[in-house]
Amino acid sequence: MKNIYLQIPYNMLDISKLVLATVTGTEGSTPQKPGSSALFDKAGLVAGTIGGGVLEGKVQNIAIESLNTMEPVHQVFRLDTSVSDGEDALCGGKICILVDPDLVRHKHVFETLRKSAGERIPGFLITLLTNAENNKILIDRYWATDQDRSLIPAELKPFIEPEMKGLIAGIDSYDFRELKIQREEGKPSHLLFLEPVIPLPRLIIAGAGHIGKALSQIGSMLDFEVTIIDDRPEFANSENIPYANHIITGDIGKAIEKIEKGNDTFIVIVTRGHRDDGNALKVCIGSGAAYIGMIGSKTKISLMHGEFIGNGWATEEQWKRIFTPIGLDIRSKTVEEIAVSIAAQLVQVKNKRDSK
């Protein structure tokens, strides 16, 4: 899912009009899991989701009211399985949702989170919920990474430090979780929520032609951070490809060579010709990228295979890791169908990687 926190605006006027709703706990069957979030304003849903349908409508009403009172709400909803007033049946479980109308108070936290995300540094958003007088609650938020925990108050470090150990190695499998802090025996006075915020997987598309353009749109919908590379400025521009997060105009091979290629990097080579495909493949074929795929006919692939092995540009083992012909075999014919087949293969590889 796209990072909801990166959709919180910088400027004070817009951020003051937004409410953040987050699922903090579930029991039984529910439409979303803990950590799912949505942004609301007085007109309704702005981004994200906490379940849709009847539940989201109820939370939206609470969010709009909270903008008037500026008081947070932490409420449990019972998802009754009965059908009433023509509405669809709900799931039958319970879901707890935190509604925060005062995002301005933690603007610096979201800005620090955004900076880390821009540098592709994973971390934890830490939310402290304190029970105050008159059944009111207070919300405090902090951001911490494996390299920087300076924003965490000293009194919270004994609770958070154990969770931070091995952050980089284990954050992909770390779920949103709740910690209880007790001041009196048997009576929790604080709730602490730790939410991993992980950079989106990167989709690097070499080639801004018809297939690259279509794939950039689908890739964005599938929550990839999309980069388009082409040496033709008339193709590689935001007007032609509005869905890309980054557009690089220049030599394709040199541009790909400069990109760090880790296990969250997916590279699709769909340039306009054999030479550009080869230059792109040379600089990534032995890398640690999670996926490298190249379009081409069986004749072209056989020819390139001979060139790469014969010139020592790759080993047989490295060549076997390349997805070529690219995409799942769905008998695709049109540009859009080819883009769908490639996207389906990207999801297949990504989900297999995430399940390890």
Protein backbone atom coordinates (compact mmCIF):
# COMPACT_ATOMS: atom_id res chain seq x y z
CA MET A 1 0.00 0.00 0.00
CA LYS A 2 1.19 3.51 -0.76
CA ASN A 3 2.64 5.31 2.23
CA ILE A 4 -0.24 7.36 3.63
CA TYR A 5 2.19 9.58 5.53
CA LEU A 6 3.82 10.77 2.31
CA GLN A 7 0.40 12.06 1.24
CA ILE A 8 0.24 14.44 4.22
CA PRO A 9 1.02 17.91 2.79
CA TYR A 10 3.88 20.13 3.92
CA ASN A 11 2.03 23.41 4.29
CA MET A 12 0.26 24.30 7.52
CA LEU A 13 -3.03 25.32 5.92
CA ASP A 14 -3.67 22.01 4.15
CA ILE A 15 -2.39 19.76 6.93
CA SER A 16 -4.67 21.51 9.43
CA LYS A 17 -7.69 20.44 7.37
CA LEU A 18 -6.88 16.74 7.50
CA VAL A 19 -7.71 13.93 9.92
CA LEU A 20 -5.74 10.68 10.09
CA ALA A 21 -7.64 7.49 10.97
CA THR A 22 -5.63 4.33 11.73
CA VAL A 23 -6.70 0.78 12.51
CA THR A 24 -4.92 -0.06 15.79
CA GLY A 25 -6.41 -3.48 16.56
CA THR A 26 -8.74 -6.16 15.22
CA GLU A 27 -10.53 -9.26 16.44
CA GLY A 28 -12.20 -11.83 14.22
CA SER A 29 -13.02 -11.05 10.60
CA THR A 30 -12.40 -7.42 9.63
CA PRO A 31 -12.01 -5.56 6.31
CA GLN A 32 -8.53 -4.21 7.13
CA LYS A 33 -5.60 -5.13 9.36
CA PRO A 34 -3.81 -3.01 12.01
CA GLY A 35 -1.80 -0.21 10.45
CA SER A 36 -4.28 0.47 7.65
CA SER A 37 -4.90 4.22 7.50
CA ALA A 38 -6.98 6.85 5.75
CA LEU A 39 -6.96 10.63 5.47
CA PHE A 40 -10.23 12.58 5.68
CA ASP A 41 -11.20 16.21 5.33
CA LYS A 42 -14.59 17.88 5.77
CA ALA A 43 -15.64 16.71 2.30
CA GLY A 44 -14.85 13.03 2.99
CA LEU A 45 -12.15 10.51 2.13
CA VAL A 46 -8.93 11.98 0.71
CA ALA A 47 -6.61 8.95 0.53
CA GLY A 48 -6.18 5.41 1.86
CA THR A 49 -8.83 3.20 3.45
CA ILE A 50 -9.74 1.69 6.80
CA GLY A 51 -12.22 -0.77 5.33
CA GLY A 52 -14.67 0.97 3.05
CA GLY A 53 -18.44 0.67 3.13
CA VAL A 54 -20.47 1.18 6.31
CA LEU A 55 -17.44 1.28 8.62
CA GLU A 56 -15.63 3.93 6.61
CA GLY A 57 -18.78 6.03 6.52
CA LYS A 58 -19.04 5.93 10.32
CA VAL A 59 -15.36 6.80 10.76
CA GLN A 60 -15.70 9.62 8.24
CA ASN A 61 -18.48 11.19 10.33
CA ILE A 62 -16.33 10.91 13.47
CA ALA A 63 -13.35 12.40 11.62
CA ILE A 64 -15.35 15.42 10.44
CA GLU A 65 -16.69 16.00 13.94
CA SER A 66 -13.20 15.72 15.41
CA LEU A 67 -12.06 18.58 13.17
CA ASN A 68 -14.57 20.76 14.99
CA THR A 69 -13.62 19.63 18.51
CA MET A 70 -9.90 18.95 17.82
CA GLU A 71 -10.18 15.97 20.17
CA PRO A 72 -8.76 12.56 19.21
CA VAL A 73 -11.00 9.49 19.31
CA HIS A 74 -10.00 5.87 19.96
CA GLN A 75 -13.05 3.71 19.42
CA VAL A 76 -14.00 0.06 19.00
CA PHE A 77 -16.49 -0.82 16.27
CA ARG A 78 -18.42 -4.09 16.31
CA LEU A 79 -18.97 -5.27 12.78
CA ASP A 80 -22.44 -6.82 13.06
CA THR A 81 -23.16 -9.53 10.53
CA SER A 82 -26.79 -8.51 10.21
CA VAL A 83 -28.06 -6.56 7.23
CA SER A 84 -29.96 -3.36 7.89
CA ASP A 85 -31.23 -0.42 5.86
CA GLY A 86 -30.21 -2.12 2.62
CA GLU A 87 -26.51 -2.00 3.50
CA ASP A 88 -24.15 -4.87 2.79
CA ALA A 89 -23.48 -7.40 5.53
CA LEU A 90 -20.37 -6.65 7.58
CA CYS A 91 -17.64 -9.00 8.72
CA GLY A 92 -18.73 -9.91 12.24
CA GLY A 93 -15.47 -9.00 14.01
CA LYS A 94 -14.28 -6.02 16.02
CA ILE A 95 -11.99 -3.23 14.88
CA CYS A 96 -10.37 -0.43 16.88
CA ILE A 97 -9.64 2.87 15.14
CA LEU A 98 -7.65 5.92 16.25
CA VAL A 99 -8.81 9.27 14.83
CA ASP A 100 -6.25 12.10 15.01
CA PRO A 101 -7.45 15.60 13.98
CA ASP A 102 -4.29 17.48 15.04
CA LEU A 103 -1.63 16.49 12.50
CA VAL A 104 -0.06 19.95 12.71
CA ARG A 105 1.18 19.06 16.19
CA HIS A 106 3.41 16.36 14.71
CA LYS A 107 4.27 18.04 11.43
CA HIS A 108 8.01 17.75 12.20
CA VAL A 109 7.63 13.98 12.70
CA PHE A 110 5.97 13.51 9.32
CA GLU A 111 8.63 15.68 7.68
CA THR A 112 11.41 13.56 9.20
CA LEU A 113 9.62 10.40 8.07
CA ARG A 114 9.33 11.87 4.56
CA LYS A 115 13.06 12.65 4.51
CA SER A 116 13.91 9.07 5.51
CA ALA A 117 11.56 7.70 2.85
CA GLY A 118 13.25 9.89 0.23
CA GLU A 119 16.57 8.32 1.23
CA ARG A 120 14.94 4.86 1.21
CA ILE A 121 15.57 4.36 4.93
CA PRO A 122 12.98 2.18 6.73
CA GLY A 123 11.85 3.06 10.22
CA PHE A 124 9.09 3.03 12.82
CA LEU A 125 6.34 5.56 13.40
CA ILE A 126 5.78 5.44 17.16
CA THR A 127 2.42 6.60 18.51
CA LEU A 128 1.90 7.04 22.26
CA LEU A 129 -1.68 7.14 23.50
CA THR A 130 -2.18 8.53 27.01
CA ASN A 131 -5.39 8.36 29.00
CA ALA A 132 -6.13 11.86 30.29
CA GLU A 133 -8.86 13.23 32.52
CA ASN A 134 -12.55 13.23 31.54
CA ASN A 135 -12.05 10.20 29.27
CA LYS A 136 -9.92 12.25 26.91
CA ILE A 137 -6.80 10.93 25.23
CA LEU A 138 -3.52 12.54 24.22
CA ILE A 139 -1.50 11.55 21.15
CA ASP A 140 2.28 11.86 20.87
CA ARG A 141 4.19 10.67 17.80
CA TYR A 142 7.88 9.96 17.16
CA TRP A 143 9.99 8.70 14.25
CA ALA A 144 12.93 6.34 14.65
CA THR A 145 15.26 4.50 12.31
CA ASP A 146 18.05 2.04 12.97
CA GLN A 147 20.55 4.89 12.56
CA ASP A 148 18.65 7.65 14.36
CA ARG A 149 16.55 7.27 17.51
CA SER A 150 17.11 10.79 18.80
CA LEU A 151 13.42 11.70 18.73
CA ILE A 152 12.45 8.94 21.18
CA PRO A 153 11.97 10.26 24.74
CA ALA A 154 14.25 8.66 27.34
CA GLU A 155 11.31 7.25 29.33
CA LEU A 156 10.07 5.30 26.29
CA LYS A 157 13.42 3.86 25.22
CA PRO A 158 13.27 0.83 27.57
CA PHE A 159 10.04 -0.23 25.83
CA ILE A 160 11.09 0.60 22.28
CA GLU A 161 14.78 -0.38 22.19
CA PRO A 162 14.08 -4.16 22.28
CA GLU A 163 11.75 -3.74 19.32
CA MET A 164 14.36 -1.74 17.40
CA LYS A 165 17.03 -4.45 17.51
CA GLY A 166 17.75 -5.85 14.07
CA LEU A 167 15.44 -3.31 12.47
CA ILE A 168 16.94 -3.48 9.01
CA ALA A 169 17.04 -7.29 8.93
CA GLY A 170 13.55 -7.85 10.25
CA ILE A 171 11.40 -4.86 9.34
CA ASP A 172 9.90 -6.57 6.28
CA SER A 173 8.29 -9.16 8.55
CA TYR A 174 7.44 -6.75 11.37
CA ASP A 175 3.72 -6.09 11.80
CA PHE A 176 2.01 -3.08 13.35
CA ARG A 177 1.86 -3.88 17.04
CA GLU A 178 0.60 -2.56 20.36
CA LEU A 179 2.62 -2.33 23.58
CA LYS A 180 1.06 -1.57 26.96
CA ILE A 181 2.92 0.58 29.47
CA GLN A 182 1.84 0.08 33.06
CA ARG A 183 2.27 2.58 35.89
CA GLU A 184 -0.04 0.86 38.34
CA GLU A 185 -0.20 -2.88 38.84
CA GLY A 186 -2.64 -4.39 36.36
CA LYS A 187 -3.78 -1.04 34.99
CA PRO A 188 -2.36 0.18 31.68
CA SER A 189 -2.19 3.95 31.53
CA HIS A 190 -0.51 4.19 28.13
CA LEU A 191 -0.74 2.41 24.80
CA LEU A 192 2.24 2.42 22.49
CA PHE A 193 1.85 1.59 18.79
CA LEU A 194 4.83 0.73 16.61
CA GLU A 195 4.27 0.84 12.87
CA PRO A 196 6.95 -0.12 10.33
CA VAL A 197 7.21 2.30 7.40
CA ILE A 198 9.06 0.64 4.52
CA PRO A 199 10.03 2.29 1.22
CA LEU A 200 8.00 1.06 -1.74
CA PRO A 201 9.70 -1.45 -4.06
CA ARG A 202 11.32 0.31 -7.01
CA LEU A 203 10.28 -0.40 -10.58
CA ILE A 204 12.93 0.75 -13.06
CA ILE A 205 11.58 0.83 -16.62
CA ALA A 206 14.20 1.18 -19.35
CA GLY A 207 12.28 2.58 -22.27
CA ALA A 208 9.55 5.24 -22.42
CA GLY A 209 7.74 3.84 -25.44
CA HIS A 210 4.19 2.47 -25.53
CA ILE A 211 4.87 -0.54 -23.28
CA GLY A 212 6.95 1.47 -20.78
CA LYS A 213 4.23 4.11 -20.59
CA ALA A 214 1.46 1.55 -20.00
CA LEU A 215 3.54 -0.35 -17.46
CA SER A 216 4.32 2.84 -15.53
CA GLN A 217 0.60 3.37 -14.95
CA ILE A 218 -0.03 -0.20 -13.83
CA GLY A 219 3.13 -0.22 -11.70
CA SER A 220 2.00 2.92 -9.90
CA MET A 221 -1.39 1.32 -9.21
CA LEU A 222 0.43 -1.72 -7.78
CA ASP A 223 2.36 0.47 -5.32
CA PHE A 224 5.76 0.49 -6.95
CA GLU A 225 7.95 3.59 -6.94
CA VAL A 226 8.28 4.00 -10.70
CA THR A 227 11.35 5.33 -12.53
CA ILE A 228 11.35 5.75 -16.32
CA ILE A 229 14.62 6.00 -18.26
CA ASP A 230 14.97 6.98 -21.92
CA ASP A 231 17.35 9.06 -24.01
CA ARG A 232 14.48 10.70 -25.93
CA PRO A 233 13.15 13.79 -24.12
CA GLU A 234 10.05 13.83 -26.33
CA PHE A 235 9.08 10.51 -24.69
CA ALA A 236 10.71 10.78 -21.26
CA ASN A 237 8.73 13.66 -19.79
CA SER A 238 6.01 14.04 -17.16
CA GLU A 239 3.41 15.12 -19.71
CA ASN A 240 3.78 11.89 -21.66
CA ILE A 241 4.26 9.69 -18.57
CA PRO A 242 2.40 11.30 -15.65
CA TYR A 243 2.45 8.17 -13.48
CA ALA A 244 6.21 7.93 -12.95
CA ASN A 245 7.74 9.10 -9.67
CA HIS A 246 11.06 9.79 -11.39
CA ILE A 247 12.00 10.39 -15.02
CA ILE A 248 15.62 10.19 -16.20
CA THR A 249 16.53 11.49 -19.64
CA GLY A 250 19.88 10.35 -20.92
CA ASP A 251 21.96 7.31 -21.80
CA ILE A 252 19.97 4.29 -20.59
CA GLY A 253 22.90 2.06 -19.71
CA LYS A 254 24.74 4.76 -17.76
CA ALA A 255 21.57 5.73 -15.89
CA ILE A 256 20.84 2.16 -14.80
CA GLU A 257 24.48 1.66 -13.79
CA LYS A 258 24.16 4.50 -11.26
CA ILE A 259 21.05 3.05 -9.59
CA GLU A 260 21.56 0.92 -6.50
CA LYS A 261 20.14 -2.51 -7.22
CA GLY A 262 18.97 -4.30 -4.09
CA ASN A 263 16.32 -6.91 -3.38
CA ASP A 264 13.63 -4.23 -3.59
CA THR A 265 14.56 -3.27 -7.17
CA PHE A 266 12.64 -4.56 -10.19
CA ILE A 267 14.11 -3.77 -13.63
CA VAL A 268 12.12 -4.01 -16.87
CA ILE A 269 13.97 -3.53 -20.16
CA VAL A 270 11.66 -2.46 -22.99
CA THR A 271 13.77 -0.06 -25.05
CA ARG A 272 13.35 0.64 -28.75
CA GLY A 273 16.17 -1.59 -29.94
CA HIS A 274 18.69 -4.38 -29.53
CA ARG A 275 21.62 -2.07 -28.73
CA ASP A 276 19.86 -0.19 -25.92
CA ASP A 277 18.48 -3.43 -24.48
CA GLY A 278 22.00 -4.85 -24.39
CA ASN A 279 23.49 -1.76 -22.75
CA ALA A 280 20.79 -1.81 -20.08
CA LEU A 281 21.22 -5.53 -19.43
CA LYS A 282 25.02 -5.39 -19.18
CA VAL A 283 24.97 -3.11 -16.14
CA CYS A 284 22.38 -5.05 -14.15
CA ILE A 285 22.63 -8.73 -15.12
CA GLY A 286 24.96 -9.65 -12.26
CA SER A 287 23.33 -7.37 -9.69
CA GLY A 288 21.25 -8.14 -6.62
CA ALA A 289 18.02 -6.88 -8.19
CA ALA A 290 14.94 -8.90 -7.30
CA TYR A 291 13.80 -9.00 -10.91
CA ILE A 292 15.35 -8.30 -14.30
CA GLY A 293 13.14 -8.79 -17.34
CA MET A 294 13.77 -8.05 -21.01
CA ILE A 295 11.35 -8.00 -23.90
CA GLY A 296 12.23 -9.72 -27.16
CA SER A 297 11.51 -12.45 -29.67
CA LYS A 298 13.05 -15.91 -29.35
CA THR A 299 15.49 -15.04 -32.16
CA LYS A 300 16.62 -11.82 -30.49
CA ILE A 301 16.96 -13.52 -27.10
CA SER A 302 19.01 -16.36 -28.57
CA LEU A 303 21.30 -13.86 -30.32
CA MET A 304 21.80 -11.79 -27.16
CA HIS A 305 22.41 -14.90 -25.09
CA GLY A 306 25.24 -15.88 -27.43
CA GLU A 307 26.74 -12.38 -27.26
CA PHE A 308 26.64 -12.18 -23.46
CA ILE A 309 28.09 -15.63 -22.85
CA GLY A 310 30.60 -15.42 -25.71
CA ASN A 311 31.94 -12.01 -24.60
CA GLY A 312 32.05 -12.95 -20.92
CA TRP A 313 29.44 -10.33 -20.00
CA ALA A 314 27.48 -12.93 -18.01
CA THR A 315 27.57 -16.51 -16.84
CA GLU A 316 24.93 -19.07 -17.73
CA GLU A 317 23.66 -18.91 -14.17
CA GLN A 318 23.27 -15.13 -14.37
CA TRP A 319 21.48 -15.38 -17.71
CA LYS A 320 19.00 -17.90 -16.33
CA ARG A 321 17.91 -15.33 -13.74
CA ILE A 322 16.70 -13.01 -16.52
CA PHE A 323 12.97 -13.16 -17.25
CA THR A 324 12.98 -13.29 -21.02
CA PRO A 325 10.68 -13.54 -22.89
CA ILE A 326 9.23 -11.16 -20.35
CA GLY A 327 5.85 -11.48 -18.63
CA LEU A 328 3.46 -14.30 -17.85
CA ASP A 329 2.10 -16.20 -20.82
CA ILE A 330 -1.45 -14.86 -21.15
CA ARG A 331 -1.33 -14.80 -24.98
CA SER A 332 -1.11 -11.02 -24.86
CA LYS A 333 -1.35 -9.16 -28.16
CA THR A 334 -1.91 -5.47 -27.49
CA VAL A 335 0.45 -3.07 -25.75
CA GLU A 336 -1.84 -2.96 -22.72
CA GLU A 337 -2.05 -6.74 -22.52
CA ILE A 338 1.74 -7.02 -22.69
CA ALA A 339 2.03 -4.48 -19.85
CA VAL A 340 -0.49 -6.50 -17.81
CA SER A 341 1.50 -9.72 -18.36
CA ILE A 342 4.71 -8.01 -17.20
CA ALA A 343 2.98 -6.47 -14.17
CA ALA A 344 1.54 -9.85 -13.21
CA GLN A 345 5.01 -11.38 -13.29
CA LEU A 346 6.38 -8.52 -11.16
CA VAL A 347 3.69 -9.16 -8.53
CA GLN A 348 4.37 -12.91 -8.65
CA VAL A 349 8.10 -12.41 -7.99
CA LYS A 350 7.54 -9.71 -5.36
CA ASN A 351 5.03 -11.75 -3.39
CA LYS A 352 7.22 -14.86 -3.54
CA ARG A 353 10.10 -12.73 -2.18
CA ASP A 354 7.93 -11.25 0.59
CA SER A 355 6.69 -14.69 1.70
CA LYS A 356 10.19 -16.03 2.40
